[in-house]
Amino acid sequence: MIFGSIQNLGNDKKLLPKALIKGLEYIKNTDLTKLAAGKYEIDGNALFALVQDNRTAPKADRKAEAHKKYIDIQYVHSGSEIIGFGLDDPVNEVLENLLDEKDAIFFKHVKNEMDLILTPGMYAILFPTDIHRPGCIHGSAASVRKVVVKVALSTL
């Protein structure tokens, strides 16, 4: 997992693969206030953005998930949320395996899950070994506009 601020992209670019930079530059250079919620292709199925308007919920109501074909860049445009995260571990019991259908696997619990607070301008890059539980309440339930950029592992 990589945690950062879109304001520091100039420095972060020196350390990141080109596909991740392309996704972060899309976020930085797009007027997200003018986009409707939905899917936006950046480079076909290899790189695309999901603009989402969600309401945060208690952590117990959110599913922990991981992906095997895509890396997530989860960026908060407005509002704030907690993303629970932890490393993939054999002790994490699978709740539902939809890897073939939706590139998602859901877990009942996550060993040593930690909380990451995302506020406007912050992003988290989550790799296949990073189980994550997005959309959790930070403070009180709130509306959040976020962008999840999906980056195919095959582009790295």
C-alpha atoms as a PDB file:
ATOM      1  CA  MET A   1       0.000   0.000   0.000  1.00  0.00           C
ATOM      2  CA  ILE A   2       1.174   3.488  -0.834  1.00  0.00           C
ATOM      3  CA  PHE A   3      -0.427   6.516   0.807  1.00  0.00           C
ATOM      4  CA  GLY A   4      -0.023  10.001  -0.612  1.00  0.00           C
ATOM      5  CA  SER A   5      -1.391  13.400  -1.504  1.00  0.00           C
ATOM      6  CA  ILE A   6      -2.183  14.472  -5.049  1.00  0.00           C
ATOM      7  CA  GLN A   7      -0.409  17.756  -4.202  1.00  0.00           C
ATOM      8  CA  ASN A   8       2.867  15.821  -3.903  1.00  0.00           C
ATOM      9  CA  LEU A   9       2.515  14.031  -7.231  1.00  0.00           C
ATOM     10  CA  GLY A  10       5.528  15.862  -8.652  1.00  0.00           C
ATOM     11  CA  ASN A  11       7.771  14.214  -6.058  1.00  0.00           C
ATOM     12  CA  ASP A  12       5.955  10.867  -6.014  1.00  0.00           C
ATOM     13  CA  LYS A  13       6.274  10.468  -9.802  1.00  0.00           C
ATOM     14  CA  LYS A  14      10.000   9.803  -9.402  1.00  0.00           C
ATOM     15  CA  LEU A  15       9.234   6.594  -7.529  1.00  0.00           C
ATOM     16  CA  LEU A  16       6.166   5.144  -9.229  1.00  0.00           C
ATOM     17  CA  PRO A  17       5.648   3.022 -12.364  1.00  0.00           C
ATOM     18  CA  LYS A  18       4.318   4.865 -15.418  1.00  0.00           C
ATOM     19  CA  ALA A  19       0.880   3.205 -15.312  1.00  0.00           C
ATOM     20  CA  LEU A  20       0.279   4.438 -11.761  1.00  0.00           C
ATOM     21  CA  ILE A  21       1.511   7.909 -12.679  1.00  0.00           C
ATOM     22  CA  LYS A  22      -0.917   7.979 -15.605  1.00  0.00           C
ATOM     23  CA  GLY A  23      -3.807   7.148 -13.268  1.00  0.00           C
ATOM     24  CA  LEU A  24      -2.763   9.780 -10.724  1.00  0.00           C
ATOM     25  CA  GLU A  25      -2.301  12.400 -13.432  1.00  0.00           C
ATOM     26  CA  TYR A  26      -5.827  11.663 -14.653  1.00  0.00           C
ATOM     27  CA  ILE A  27      -7.094  12.412 -11.149  1.00  0.00           C
ATOM     28  CA  LYS A  28      -5.014  15.560 -10.822  1.00  0.00           C
ATOM     29  CA  ASN A  29      -5.830  16.967 -14.274  1.00  0.00           C
ATOM     30  CA  THR A  30      -9.562  16.150 -14.420  1.00  0.00           C
ATOM     31  CA  ASP A  31     -12.252  18.462 -13.083  1.00  0.00           C
ATOM     32  CA  LEU A  32     -13.976  15.829 -10.974  1.00  0.00           C
ATOM     33  CA  THR A  33     -16.782  18.192  -9.999  1.00  0.00           C
ATOM     34  CA  LYS A  34     -18.041  18.106 -13.610  1.00  0.00           C
ATOM     35  CA  LEU A  35     -18.140  14.314 -13.981  1.00  0.00           C
ATOM     36  CA  ALA A  36     -21.225  12.261 -13.280  1.00  0.00           C
ATOM     37  CA  ALA A  37     -20.776   9.111 -11.257  1.00  0.00           C
ATOM     38  CA  GLY A  38     -19.749   6.272 -13.561  1.00  0.00           C
ATOM     39  CA  LYS A  39     -16.926   4.624 -15.463  1.00  0.00           C
ATOM     40  CA  TYR A  40     -14.420   6.605 -17.544  1.00  0.00           C
ATOM     41  CA  GLU A  41     -11.894   4.885 -19.783  1.00  0.00           C
ATOM     42  CA  ILE A  42      -8.363   6.203 -19.674  1.00  0.00           C
ATOM     43  CA  ASP A  43      -6.708   3.356 -21.588  1.00  0.00           C
ATOM     44  CA  GLY A  44      -9.457   0.821 -22.272  1.00  0.00           C
ATOM     45  CA  ASN A  45      -9.676  -2.014 -19.756  1.00  0.00           C
ATOM     46  CA  ALA A  46      -6.028  -1.521 -18.828  1.00  0.00           C
ATOM     47  CA  LEU A  47      -6.696   1.757 -17.014  1.00  0.00           C
ATOM     48  CA  PHE A  48     -10.050   3.271 -16.111  1.00  0.00           C
ATOM     49  CA  ALA A  49     -11.669   5.440 -13.469  1.00  0.00           C
ATOM     50  CA  LEU A  50     -14.798   4.826 -11.434  1.00  0.00           C
ATOM     51  CA  VAL A  51     -16.287   8.067 -10.128  1.00  0.00           C
ATOM     52  CA  GLN A  52     -18.400   7.304  -7.067  1.00  0.00           C
ATOM     53  CA  ASP A  53     -20.731   9.246  -4.799  1.00  0.00           C
ATOM     54  CA  ASN A  54     -21.147   7.220  -1.616  1.00  0.00           C
ATOM     55  CA  ARG A  55     -22.238   7.563   1.963  1.00  0.00           C
ATOM     56  CA  THR A  56     -19.876   6.222   4.612  1.00  0.00           C
ATOM     57  CA  ALA A  57     -21.082   3.411   6.848  1.00  0.00           C
ATOM     58  CA  PRO A  58     -19.906   1.652  10.009  1.00  0.00           C
ATOM     59  CA  LYS A  59     -16.895  -0.569   9.448  1.00  0.00           C
ATOM     60  CA  ALA A  60     -18.924  -3.662  10.363  1.00  0.00           C
ATOM     61  CA  ASP A  61     -21.259  -2.911   7.425  1.00  0.00           C
ATOM     62  CA  ARG A  62     -18.461  -2.749   4.826  1.00  0.00           C
ATOM     63  CA  LYS A  63     -16.830  -5.768   3.225  1.00  0.00           C
ATOM     64  CA  ALA A  64     -13.079  -6.250   3.174  1.00  0.00           C
ATOM     65  CA  GLU A  65     -11.928  -6.976  -0.373  1.00  0.00           C
ATOM     66  CA  ALA A  66      -8.929  -7.634  -2.574  1.00  0.00           C
ATOM     67  CA  HIS A  67      -8.298  -7.858  -6.307  1.00  0.00           C
ATOM     68  CA  LYS A  68      -5.858  -9.973  -8.285  1.00  0.00           C
ATOM     69  CA  LYS A  69      -5.926  -8.426 -11.799  1.00  0.00           C
ATOM     70  CA  TYR A  70      -6.061  -4.732 -10.865  1.00  0.00           C
ATOM     71  CA  ILE A  71      -4.380  -2.286  -8.541  1.00  0.00           C
ATOM     72  CA  ASP A  72      -6.711   0.282  -6.968  1.00  0.00           C
ATOM     73  CA  ILE A  73      -5.887   3.944  -6.655  1.00  0.00           C
ATOM     74  CA  GLN A  74      -8.522   5.163  -4.206  1.00  0.00           C
ATOM     75  CA  TYR A  75      -8.724   8.970  -4.176  1.00  0.00           C
ATOM     76  CA  VAL A  76     -11.029  11.115  -2.055  1.00  0.00           C
ATOM     77  CA  HIS A  77     -12.202  14.262  -3.818  1.00  0.00           C
ATOM     78  CA  SER A  78     -14.621  15.502  -1.136  1.00  0.00           C
ATOM     79  CA  GLY A  79     -15.668  14.270   2.279  1.00  0.00           C
ATOM     80  CA  SER A  80     -13.573  11.844   4.287  1.00  0.00           C
ATOM     81  CA  GLU A  81     -13.550   8.143   4.958  1.00  0.00           C
ATOM     82  CA  ILE A  82     -11.614   5.438   6.671  1.00  0.00           C
ATOM     83  CA  ILE A  83     -10.219   2.580   4.638  1.00  0.00           C
ATOM     84  CA  GLY A  84      -9.411  -0.456   6.722  1.00  0.00           C
ATOM     85  CA  PHE A  85      -6.445  -2.343   5.328  1.00  0.00           C
ATOM     86  CA  GLY A  86      -4.270  -5.334   6.057  1.00  0.00           C
ATOM     87  CA  LEU A  87      -2.069  -7.809   4.289  1.00  0.00           C
ATOM     88  CA  ASP A  88      -3.404 -10.913   2.610  1.00  0.00           C
ATOM     89  CA  ASP A  89      -2.837 -13.797   5.008  1.00  0.00           C
ATOM     90  CA  PRO A  90      -3.984 -17.435   4.915  1.00  0.00           C
ATOM     91  CA  VAL A  91      -5.809 -16.937   8.249  1.00  0.00           C
ATOM     92  CA  ASN A  92      -8.165 -14.407   6.614  1.00  0.00           C
ATOM     93  CA  GLU A  93     -11.346 -16.385   6.035  1.00  0.00           C
ATOM     94  CA  VAL A  94     -12.943 -15.862   2.625  1.00  0.00           C
ATOM     95  CA  LEU A  95     -16.555 -14.698   2.655  1.00  0.00           C
ATOM     96  CA  GLU A  96     -17.120 -14.729  -1.116  1.00  0.00           C
ATOM     97  CA  ASN A  97     -14.797 -15.376  -4.060  1.00  0.00           C
ATOM     98  CA  LEU A  98     -15.809 -13.442  -7.187  1.00  0.00           C
ATOM     99  CA  LEU A  99     -12.335 -13.220  -8.731  1.00  0.00           C
ATOM    100  CA  ASP A 100     -13.406 -14.830 -12.002  1.00  0.00           C
ATOM    101  CA  GLU A 101     -16.547 -12.713 -12.401  1.00  0.00           C
ATOM    102  CA  LYS A 102     -15.605  -9.329 -10.892  1.00  0.00           C
ATOM    103  CA  ASP A 103     -11.935  -9.514  -9.859  1.00  0.00           C
ATOM    104  CA  ALA A 104     -13.013  -9.294  -6.232  1.00  0.00           C
ATOM    105  CA  ILE A 105     -12.631 -11.542  -3.251  1.00  0.00           C
ATOM    106  CA  PHE A 106     -14.338 -10.639   0.031  1.00  0.00           C
ATOM    107  CA  PHE A 107     -13.215 -11.593   3.533  1.00  0.00           C
ATOM    108  CA  LYS A 108     -15.027 -12.209   6.833  1.00  0.00           C
ATOM    109  CA  HIS A 109     -12.212 -10.653   8.847  1.00  0.00           C
ATOM    110  CA  VAL A 110      -8.700  -9.300   8.255  1.00  0.00           C
ATOM    111  CA  LYS A 111      -5.808 -10.139  10.544  1.00  0.00           C
ATOM    112  CA  ASN A 112      -4.202  -7.000  12.005  1.00  0.00           C
ATOM    113  CA  GLU A 113      -6.494  -4.649  10.060  1.00  0.00           C
ATOM    114  CA  MET A 114      -5.497  -0.995  10.449  1.00  0.00           C
ATOM    115  CA  ASP A 115      -7.334   2.227   9.656  1.00  0.00           C
ATOM    116  CA  LEU A 116      -6.222   4.781   7.097  1.00  0.00           C
ATOM    117  CA  ILE A 117      -8.026   8.131   7.024  1.00  0.00           C
ATOM    118  CA  LEU A 118      -8.486   9.643   3.578  1.00  0.00           C
ATOM    119  CA  THR A 119      -9.440  13.320   3.383  1.00  0.00           C
ATOM    120  CA  PRO A 120      -9.773  15.466   0.230  1.00  0.00           C
ATOM    121  CA  GLY A 121      -6.704  15.194  -1.972  1.00  0.00           C
ATOM    122  CA  MET A 122      -5.397  11.993  -0.377  1.00  0.00           C
ATOM    123  CA  TYR A 123      -4.987   8.680  -2.156  1.00  0.00           C
ATOM    124  CA  ALA A 124      -4.117   5.096  -1.355  1.00  0.00           C
ATOM    125  CA  ILE A 125      -2.616   2.713  -3.902  1.00  0.00           C
ATOM    126  CA  LEU A 126      -3.689  -0.809  -3.026  1.00  0.00           C
ATOM    127  CA  PHE A 127      -1.959  -3.842  -4.504  1.00  0.00           C
ATOM    128  CA  PRO A 128      -3.294  -7.427  -4.774  1.00  0.00           C
ATOM    129  CA  THR A 129      -1.713  -8.293  -1.413  1.00  0.00           C
ATOM    130  CA  ASP A 130      -3.544  -5.378   0.261  1.00  0.00           C
ATOM    131  CA  ILE A 131      -6.966  -6.277   1.598  1.00  0.00           C
ATOM    132  CA  HIS A 132      -9.010  -3.114   1.968  1.00  0.00           C
ATOM    133  CA  ARG A 133     -12.354  -2.042   3.418  1.00  0.00           C
ATOM    134  CA  PRO A 134     -13.280   1.337   1.867  1.00  0.00           C
ATOM    135  CA  GLY A 135     -16.158   3.652   2.699  1.00  0.00           C
ATOM    136  CA  CYS A 136     -16.045   3.467   6.482  1.00  0.00           C
ATOM    137  CA  ILE A 137     -17.221   6.297   8.725  1.00  0.00           C
ATOM    138  CA  HIS A 138     -14.657   8.876   9.802  1.00  0.00           C
ATOM    139  CA  GLY A 139     -16.259  10.808  12.645  1.00  0.00           C
ATOM    140  CA  SER A 140     -19.886  10.635  11.533  1.00  0.00           C
ATOM    141  CA  ALA A 141     -21.610   9.268   8.432  1.00  0.00           C
ATOM    142  CA  ALA A 142     -21.028  11.578   5.476  1.00  0.00           C
ATOM    143  CA  SER A 143     -21.223  11.830   1.711  1.00  0.00           C
ATOM    144  CA  VAL A 144     -17.971  11.153  -0.098  1.00  0.00           C
ATOM    145  CA  ARG A 145     -17.040  11.747  -3.708  1.00  0.00           C
ATOM    146  CA  LYS A 146     -14.164   9.528  -4.666  1.00  0.00           C
ATOM    147  CA  VAL A 147     -12.449   8.145  -7.696  1.00  0.00           C
ATOM    148  CA  VAL A 148     -11.136   4.605  -7.898  1.00  0.00           C
ATOM    149  CA  VAL A 149      -8.683   4.212 -10.747  1.00  0.00           C
ATOM    150  CA  LYS A 150      -8.242   0.586 -11.737  1.00  0.00           C
ATOM    151  CA  VAL A 151      -4.765  -0.202 -13.088  1.00  0.00           C
ATOM    152  CA  ALA A 152      -4.276  -3.607 -14.719  1.00  0.00           C
ATOM    153  CA  LEU A 153      -1.278  -5.474 -13.319  1.00  0.00           C
ATOM    154  CA  SER A 154      -0.355  -6.347 -16.885  1.00  0.00           C
ATOM    155  CA  THR A 155       0.531  -2.663 -17.505  1.00  0.00           C
ATOM    156  CA  LEU A 156       3.384  -2.685 -14.982  1.00  0.00           C
END
